[in-house]
Amino acid sequence: MVGEENFIEMYPNKSNNYCCGGGGGFLQSGYTEERRAYGKLKADQILTTGATYCIAPCHNCHAQIHDLSEQRDHAWGTVHLWTLICLSLGILGPNEREYLEDDLKELNVFHPESAM
């Protein structure tokens, strides 16, 4: 799951990447259908990669990308960047795993007992 061989870059990417459509307060604006319509470009971009997960850097992006996935029968899982960092350090709490897909819920990457 982790590693360069499992990373799929979106196109376009970096400074030309598409906005998810949920930022700048739009997520809480009450215009759900408009937000989802604007997010269709990002959803199509994610679907084109064929990736199992989409990593989101911020809460607004995570919530929007997760909602876009739900609108498409959970076509991908959405994970916060900090969640992957915490998983790799072995410090992600049980309550922080609730939204994860089954393959990540029980994952423990860091094993302190093996470091002794």
Protein backbone atom coordinates (compact mmCIF):
# COMPACT_ATOMS: atom_id res chain seq x y z
CA MET A 1 0.00 0.00 0.00
CA VAL A 2 2.79 2.42 0.82
CA GLY A 3 5.63 3.18 -1.52
CA GLU A 4 6.45 4.80 -4.80
CA GLU A 5 5.13 1.80 -6.72
CA ASN A 6 1.66 2.47 -5.26
CA PHE A 7 1.58 6.22 -5.85
CA ILE A 8 -0.49 7.45 -8.80
CA GLU A 9 -0.10 11.11 -9.70
CA MET A 10 -3.13 12.95 -11.00
CA TYR A 11 -2.97 14.85 -14.25
CA PRO A 12 -2.76 17.76 -14.37
CA ASN A 13 -0.89 18.05 -11.10
CA LYS A 14 1.11 20.35 -8.86
CA SER A 15 0.21 24.01 -9.48
CA ASN A 16 -2.08 23.01 -12.38
CA ASN A 17 -4.12 20.51 -10.35
CA TYR A 18 -7.89 20.92 -10.19
CA CYS A 19 -9.62 22.30 -7.11
CA CYS A 20 -11.95 19.88 -5.31
CA GLY A 21 -14.67 22.52 -5.10
CA GLY A 22 -15.09 22.44 -1.32
CA GLY A 23 -12.71 25.14 -0.16
CA GLY A 24 -13.18 28.76 0.74
CA GLY A 25 -16.28 28.04 2.80
CA PHE A 26 -18.18 26.52 -0.13
CA LEU A 27 -18.42 23.23 1.77
CA GLN A 28 -20.62 24.89 4.40
CA SER A 29 -22.46 27.24 2.05
CA GLY A 30 -25.62 25.17 1.74
CA TYR A 31 -25.28 24.91 -2.05
CA THR A 32 -24.69 21.16 -2.03
CA GLU A 33 -25.69 20.41 -5.62
CA GLU A 34 -23.63 23.31 -6.97
CA ARG A 35 -20.62 22.21 -4.88
CA ARG A 36 -20.93 18.65 -6.17
CA ALA A 37 -21.29 19.86 -9.75
CA TYR A 38 -18.13 21.96 -9.41
CA GLY A 39 -16.37 18.97 -7.82
CA LYS A 40 -17.21 16.70 -10.76
CA LEU A 41 -13.99 17.75 -12.50
CA LYS A 42 -11.97 16.60 -9.46
CA ALA A 43 -14.00 13.38 -9.14
CA ASP A 44 -13.39 12.55 -12.79
CA GLN A 45 -9.69 13.30 -12.31
CA ILE A 46 -9.53 10.90 -9.34
CA LEU A 47 -11.50 8.20 -11.16
CA THR A 48 -9.14 8.42 -14.14
CA THR A 49 -6.21 7.39 -11.91
CA GLY A 50 -7.93 4.16 -10.87
CA ALA A 51 -6.49 4.71 -7.38
CA THR A 52 -7.99 2.99 -4.36
CA TYR A 53 -7.39 6.03 -2.12
CA CYS A 54 -7.18 9.77 -2.54
CA ILE A 55 -4.96 11.61 -0.05
CA ALA A 56 -6.35 14.99 1.00
CA PRO A 57 -4.21 17.65 2.68
CA CYS A 58 -6.89 19.63 4.49
CA HIS A 59 -10.25 19.12 6.18
CA ASN A 60 -12.31 20.92 3.52
CA CYS A 61 -10.69 18.92 0.72
CA HIS A 62 -11.15 15.68 2.67
CA ALA A 63 -14.83 16.32 3.33
CA GLN A 64 -15.53 17.32 -0.28
CA ILE A 65 -13.55 14.46 -1.85
CA HIS A 66 -15.16 11.97 0.55
CA ASP A 67 -18.61 13.30 -0.39
CA LEU A 68 -17.76 13.07 -4.09
CA SER A 69 -16.77 9.43 -3.55
CA GLU A 70 -20.01 8.69 -1.69
CA GLN A 71 -21.96 10.14 -4.62
CA ARG A 72 -20.18 7.55 -6.80
CA ASP A 73 -20.87 4.49 -4.61
CA HIS A 74 -17.58 4.85 -2.69
CA ALA A 75 -15.40 4.65 -5.79
CA TRP A 76 -12.33 5.45 -3.66
CA GLY A 77 -11.36 5.90 -0.02
CA THR A 78 -10.35 9.36 1.20
CA VAL A 79 -7.52 9.75 3.70
CA HIS A 80 -6.02 12.79 5.41
CA LEU A 81 -2.30 13.22 4.86
CA TRP A 82 -1.82 13.42 8.65
CA THR A 83 -3.58 10.05 8.99
CA LEU A 84 -0.90 8.37 6.88
CA ILE A 85 1.82 10.07 8.91
CA CYS A 86 0.22 8.92 12.19
CA LEU A 87 -0.24 5.38 10.83
CA SER A 88 3.44 5.24 9.89
CA LEU A 89 4.39 6.33 13.42
CA GLY A 90 1.97 3.90 15.05
CA ILE A 91 0.14 6.66 16.92
CA LEU A 92 -3.27 6.76 15.23
CA GLY A 93 -5.96 6.24 17.86
CA PRO A 94 -8.95 3.89 17.50
CA ASN A 95 -11.42 6.78 17.19
CA GLU A 96 -9.31 8.25 14.37
CA ARG A 97 -9.62 4.99 12.39
CA GLU A 98 -13.41 4.90 12.20
CA TYR A 99 -13.68 6.48 8.75
CA LEU A 100 -10.90 4.36 7.22
CA GLU A 101 -11.50 1.52 4.80
CA ASP A 102 -11.13 -1.97 6.31
CA ASP A 103 -7.61 -2.52 4.96
CA LEU A 104 -6.29 0.48 6.94
CA LYS A 105 -8.30 0.19 10.17
CA GLU A 106 -6.06 -2.40 11.78
CA LEU A 107 -2.79 -1.37 10.13
CA ASN A 108 0.11 -0.78 12.52
CA VAL A 109 3.27 0.18 10.67
CA PHE A 110 5.59 1.12 13.54
CA HIS A 111 6.35 -1.60 16.06
CA PRO A 112 8.28 -0.16 19.03
CA GLU A 113 9.05 -3.63 20.44
CA SER A 114 11.03 -4.51 17.32
CA ALA A 115 13.16 -1.37 17.69
CA MET A 116 14.72 -2.61 20.96
